[in-house]
Amino acid sequence: MCILQKKILLRYFIRISFLGKKYCGWQIQPGQISVQETIEKCIGNLIKEKINIVGAGRTDAGVHATSMYAHFDTINTIQIKDFIKKINLYLPVDISVIDLVNVKEKSHARFDATSRTYKYFITKNKDPFKIDQSFLCKYDLDLKLMKKAAKILLKFDDFESFSKSKTDVKTFICKVNYAEFTQDKEMIIFEINANRFLRNMVRAIVGTLIEVGRKKISVKDFEEIILKKNRSSAGFSAPAKGLFLTDISYNWGKIK
């Protein structure tokens, strides 16, 4: 009798950074170039095995990431330092692997994540070196009003007003842990952390906060927009190029 020996799968978490300009977003889409598919192919070619990568979340077309996590399974034991060096030679210049860690077989890049952090960059001056990584806002903005409005986000948990219309999500409930504006010379930076984000949520929030800063709507109007739970009540979606996924937290702390 022939006994088939089951192959042991090893699970790895991979930390990635990328510029989103050339990509349709993280997720694989027919006929388009995605970050997920690009990485899958490069890793598969390197370790000579077909793999599937599961990301910690999705990013829209044009959105960037300085710290994105994903996991994949393989029958190969990977030499981490050698792998990182070689995979970065395989990958295009706008995608980089920062780290790779062997984890427990049930660890999950998406479901184990406890929070995500995004930053949105708004520049007041035209700068050709930042044109693809920030939103050039030509209007005068009242930053004090924008800061005041941003704090209101912490009072609510239903953000349907900032969700992409006709989405198939089951719930619009998100827990926002903080939402803050800072300014570095001519750059205004909005940072927000939550347990989860709806599709287009951060960009819709930023676009609406810009309208507060322009005094087109009041801080009270911003609160009422949230209460209406209607996307058409909120402001425009700020361009994707200014948005960066900057951190993902896990309940075990550092990946190990």
Protein backbone atom coordinates (compact mmCIF):
# COMPACT_ATOMS: atom_id res chain seq x y z
CA MET A 1 0.00 0.00 0.00
CA CYS A 2 1.29 3.45 -0.97
CA ILE A 3 1.05 6.07 1.77
CA LEU A 4 0.99 9.68 0.58
CA GLN A 5 2.86 12.01 2.88
CA LYS A 6 1.15 15.34 3.45
CA LYS A 7 3.27 18.34 2.56
CA ILE A 8 3.78 20.76 5.44
CA LEU A 9 2.87 24.34 4.57
CA LEU A 10 4.80 27.18 6.15
CA ARG A 11 3.15 30.57 6.56
CA TYR A 12 5.08 33.81 6.15
CA PHE A 13 4.11 37.41 6.80
CA ILE A 14 5.61 39.84 4.33
CA ARG A 15 5.94 43.58 4.88
CA ILE A 16 5.78 45.68 1.72
CA SER A 17 5.97 49.28 0.58
CA PHE A 18 4.85 50.57 -2.80
CA LEU A 19 3.98 53.59 -4.89
CA GLY A 20 0.49 53.11 -6.21
CA LYS A 21 0.61 55.36 -9.28
CA LYS A 22 0.90 52.55 -11.86
CA TYR A 23 -1.42 50.08 -10.17
CA CYS A 24 -5.17 49.47 -10.10
CA GLY A 25 -4.86 48.98 -6.35
CA TRP A 26 -3.83 46.08 -4.16
CA GLN A 27 -6.37 43.49 -5.28
CA ILE A 28 -6.07 41.45 -8.48
CA GLN A 29 -8.43 42.69 -11.20
CA PRO A 30 -8.88 41.21 -14.69
CA GLY A 31 -6.90 42.99 -17.38
CA GLN A 32 -5.20 45.40 -14.96
CA ILE A 33 -1.90 45.55 -13.10
CA SER A 34 -2.29 45.13 -9.33
CA VAL A 35 0.24 45.14 -6.51
CA GLN A 36 -0.97 41.74 -5.30
CA GLU A 37 -0.53 40.00 -8.66
CA THR A 38 2.87 41.61 -9.27
CA ILE A 39 4.22 40.35 -5.94
CA GLU A 40 2.66 36.91 -6.31
CA LYS A 41 4.32 36.38 -9.68
CA CYS A 42 7.72 37.57 -8.49
CA ILE A 43 7.71 35.39 -5.36
CA GLY A 44 6.43 32.43 -7.36
CA ASN A 45 9.23 32.81 -9.88
CA LEU A 46 11.82 33.13 -7.14
CA ILE A 47 10.81 30.09 -5.07
CA LYS A 48 9.53 28.14 -8.11
CA GLU A 49 6.10 27.56 -6.60
CA LYS A 50 2.66 29.01 -7.31
CA ILE A 51 1.52 31.01 -4.29
CA ASN A 52 -1.45 33.12 -3.24
CA ILE A 53 -0.95 36.26 -1.17
CA VAL A 54 -3.60 37.48 1.29
CA GLY A 55 -3.30 41.18 2.06
CA ALA A 56 -4.15 42.94 5.32
CA GLY A 57 -6.64 44.99 3.34
CA ARG A 58 -7.27 46.62 0.00
CA THR A 59 -5.97 49.89 -1.32
CA ASP A 60 -7.64 51.77 -4.16
CA ALA A 61 -6.02 52.62 -7.47
CA GLY A 62 -3.23 55.14 -7.01
CA VAL A 63 -2.99 54.80 -3.21
CA HIS A 64 0.48 54.20 -1.75
CA ALA A 65 1.78 52.21 1.22
CA THR A 66 4.87 52.61 3.38
CA SER A 67 3.90 49.57 5.45
CA MET A 68 1.53 46.92 4.09
CA TYR A 69 1.34 43.36 5.40
CA ALA A 70 0.28 40.18 3.64
CA HIS A 71 0.74 36.46 4.17
CA PHE A 72 1.38 33.46 1.97
CA ASP A 73 1.92 29.73 2.39
CA THR A 74 4.72 27.70 0.88
CA ILE A 75 6.26 24.24 1.12
CA ASN A 76 9.69 25.87 0.95
CA THR A 77 11.73 26.89 3.97
CA ILE A 78 12.84 30.41 3.10
CA GLN A 79 16.20 31.90 4.04
CA ILE A 80 14.91 35.33 4.95
CA LYS A 81 17.90 37.63 4.34
CA ASP A 82 18.68 35.99 1.03
CA PHE A 83 15.01 36.06 0.02
CA ILE A 84 14.59 39.79 0.73
CA LYS A 85 17.70 40.64 -1.27
CA LYS A 86 16.66 38.53 -4.25
CA ILE A 87 12.96 39.41 -4.32
CA ASN A 88 13.79 43.11 -4.45
CA LEU A 89 15.81 42.41 -7.59
CA TYR A 90 12.79 40.66 -9.14
CA LEU A 91 10.25 43.32 -8.18
CA PRO A 92 9.72 46.56 -10.12
CA VAL A 93 11.33 49.69 -8.65
CA ASP A 94 8.03 50.96 -7.20
CA ILE A 95 7.49 47.91 -4.95
CA SER A 96 9.82 46.88 -2.13
CA VAL A 97 9.84 44.03 0.39
CA ILE A 98 10.93 45.36 3.78
CA ASP A 99 10.72 42.24 5.91
CA LEU A 100 9.64 38.60 5.99
CA VAL A 101 8.72 36.62 9.11
CA ASN A 102 7.72 33.00 9.65
CA VAL A 103 4.46 32.89 11.68
CA LYS A 104 2.03 30.34 13.12
CA GLU A 105 -0.05 28.50 10.53
CA LYS A 106 -3.32 30.20 11.55
CA SER A 107 -1.93 33.75 11.68
CA HIS A 108 -3.88 35.92 9.26
CA ALA A 109 -2.72 39.24 7.81
CA ARG A 110 -6.26 40.59 7.47
CA PHE A 111 -8.32 39.07 10.28
CA ASP A 112 -5.65 39.37 12.98
CA ALA A 113 -5.04 43.06 12.32
CA THR A 114 -6.37 45.24 15.15
CA SER A 115 -5.94 48.65 13.51
CA ARG A 116 -4.73 50.44 10.40
CA THR A 117 -3.20 53.88 10.04
CA TYR A 118 -3.39 56.16 7.02
CA LYS A 119 -1.79 59.51 6.31
CA TYR A 120 -3.02 62.00 3.75
CA PHE A 121 -0.66 64.70 2.45
CA ILE A 122 -1.91 68.10 1.33
CA THR A 123 0.63 70.55 -0.08
CA LYS A 124 0.10 74.28 -0.42
CA ASN A 125 2.98 74.83 -2.82
CA LYS A 126 3.55 73.36 -6.26
CA ASP A 127 6.47 70.96 -5.97
CA PRO A 128 7.34 68.73 -8.94
CA PHE A 129 9.02 66.22 -6.59
CA LYS A 130 5.83 65.76 -4.56
CA ILE A 131 3.24 66.00 -7.32
CA ASP A 132 2.56 62.24 -7.34
CA GLN A 133 2.56 61.80 -3.55
CA SER A 134 0.40 64.69 -2.35
CA PHE A 135 -2.65 66.76 -3.21
CA LEU A 136 -1.92 70.33 -4.30
CA CYS A 137 -4.63 72.44 -2.69
CA LYS A 138 -4.82 75.93 -4.16
CA TYR A 139 -7.22 77.25 -1.54
CA ASP A 140 -6.52 78.86 1.82
CA LEU A 141 -7.41 76.43 4.59
CA ASP A 142 -8.35 77.15 8.20
CA LEU A 143 -6.43 74.36 9.93
CA LYS A 144 -7.98 75.11 13.34
CA LEU A 145 -11.45 74.41 11.98
CA MET A 146 -10.25 71.24 10.27
CA LYS A 147 -8.69 69.98 13.52
CA LYS A 148 -11.90 70.69 15.40
CA ALA A 149 -13.99 68.84 12.82
CA ALA A 150 -11.59 65.85 12.75
CA LYS A 151 -12.12 65.29 16.49
CA ILE A 152 -15.83 64.78 15.83
CA LEU A 153 -15.02 61.52 14.05
CA LEU A 154 -14.21 59.93 17.41
CA LYS A 155 -17.80 60.48 18.59
CA PHE A 156 -19.30 58.22 15.93
CA ASP A 157 -19.02 54.66 14.68
CA ASP A 158 -21.25 54.65 11.58
CA PHE A 159 -19.45 56.16 8.59
CA GLU A 160 -21.82 55.37 5.75
CA SER A 161 -21.59 59.04 4.66
CA PHE A 162 -17.92 58.47 3.80
CA SER A 163 -18.29 55.09 2.12
CA LYS A 164 -18.20 54.48 -1.61
CA SER A 165 -21.75 54.30 -2.97
CA LYS A 166 -23.26 50.94 -4.00
CA THR A 167 -20.76 48.96 -1.96
CA ASP A 168 -21.44 45.40 -0.83
CA VAL A 169 -20.12 45.77 2.74
CA LYS A 170 -22.29 44.30 5.50
CA THR A 171 -21.66 47.07 8.01
CA PHE A 172 -20.51 50.69 8.01
CA ILE A 173 -19.36 50.48 11.63
CA CYS A 174 -15.74 51.50 12.29
CA LYS A 175 -13.96 52.48 15.49
CA VAL A 176 -11.80 55.55 14.88
CA ASN A 177 -9.07 55.74 17.52
CA TYR A 178 -7.60 59.08 16.49
CA ALA A 179 -7.79 61.60 13.66
CA GLU A 180 -5.32 64.48 13.72
CA PHE A 181 -3.84 67.21 11.55
CA THR A 182 -0.25 68.37 11.73
CA GLN A 183 1.65 70.86 9.60
CA ASP A 184 5.25 70.63 8.43
CA LYS A 185 6.14 73.86 6.64
CA GLU A 186 3.94 73.89 3.53
CA MET A 187 2.70 70.31 3.99
CA ILE A 188 -0.53 69.56 5.89
CA ILE A 189 -0.72 65.96 7.08
CA PHE A 190 -3.91 64.21 8.16
CA GLU A 191 -3.39 61.00 10.15
CA ILE A 192 -6.20 58.61 11.07
CA ASN A 193 -6.21 55.27 12.86
CA ALA A 194 -9.16 52.87 13.07
CA ASN A 195 -9.90 49.19 13.49
CA ARG A 196 -11.12 49.08 9.87
CA PHE A 197 -11.86 51.41 6.98
CA LEU A 198 -14.58 51.47 4.38
CA ARG A 199 -13.75 51.75 0.71
CA ASN A 200 -12.88 55.37 -0.15
CA MET A 201 -13.50 56.38 3.49
CA VAL A 202 -10.29 58.32 4.20
CA ARG A 203 -10.39 60.21 0.91
CA ALA A 204 -14.04 61.18 1.46
CA ILE A 205 -13.27 62.35 4.99
CA VAL A 206 -10.32 64.43 3.77
CA GLY A 207 -12.32 65.97 0.94
CA THR A 208 -15.08 66.96 3.38
CA LEU A 209 -12.59 68.32 5.91
CA ILE A 210 -11.05 70.45 3.15
CA GLU A 211 -14.49 71.97 2.62
CA VAL A 212 -14.54 72.78 6.34
CA GLY A 213 -11.11 74.38 5.98
CA ARG A 214 -12.34 76.45 3.04
CA LYS A 215 -15.36 77.48 5.16
CA LYS A 216 -17.76 76.11 2.58
CA ILE A 217 -19.33 74.09 5.40
CA SER A 218 -19.16 74.54 9.17
CA VAL A 219 -17.90 72.17 11.85
CA LYS A 220 -21.55 71.61 12.78
CA ASP A 221 -22.34 70.79 9.15
CA PHE A 222 -19.57 68.18 9.23
CA GLU A 223 -21.22 66.47 12.19
CA GLU A 224 -24.62 66.56 10.52
CA ILE A 225 -23.13 64.97 7.39
CA ILE A 226 -22.05 61.98 9.49
CA LEU A 227 -25.53 61.72 11.02
CA LYS A 228 -27.22 61.72 7.59
CA LYS A 229 -25.48 58.45 6.59
CA ASN A 230 -25.62 59.49 2.96
CA ARG A 231 -22.54 59.73 0.72
CA SER A 232 -24.10 62.46 -1.42
CA SER A 233 -24.18 64.72 1.66
CA ALA A 234 -20.42 64.59 2.13
CA GLY A 235 -17.70 66.37 0.16
CA PHE A 236 -15.53 65.28 -2.75
CA SER A 237 -13.06 62.40 -2.57
CA ALA A 238 -9.53 63.75 -2.25
CA PRO A 239 -7.21 62.36 -4.97
CA ALA A 240 -5.73 58.92 -4.31
CA LYS A 241 -2.14 60.09 -4.86
CA GLY A 242 -2.04 61.88 -1.49
CA LEU A 243 -3.02 58.81 0.54
CA PHE A 244 -0.57 56.42 2.23
CA LEU A 245 -1.21 53.30 4.29
CA THR A 246 1.49 53.74 6.95
CA ASP A 247 0.94 51.11 9.64
CA ILE A 248 -0.98 47.97 10.55
CA SER A 249 -1.10 46.73 14.14
CA TYR A 250 -1.56 43.18 15.39
CA ASN A 251 -2.68 41.99 18.82
CA TRP A 252 0.58 40.14 19.43
CA GLY A 253 2.69 43.28 18.91
CA LYS A 254 5.65 42.66 16.66
CA ILE A 255 5.26 40.01 14.00
CA LYS A 256 6.83 36.78 15.25
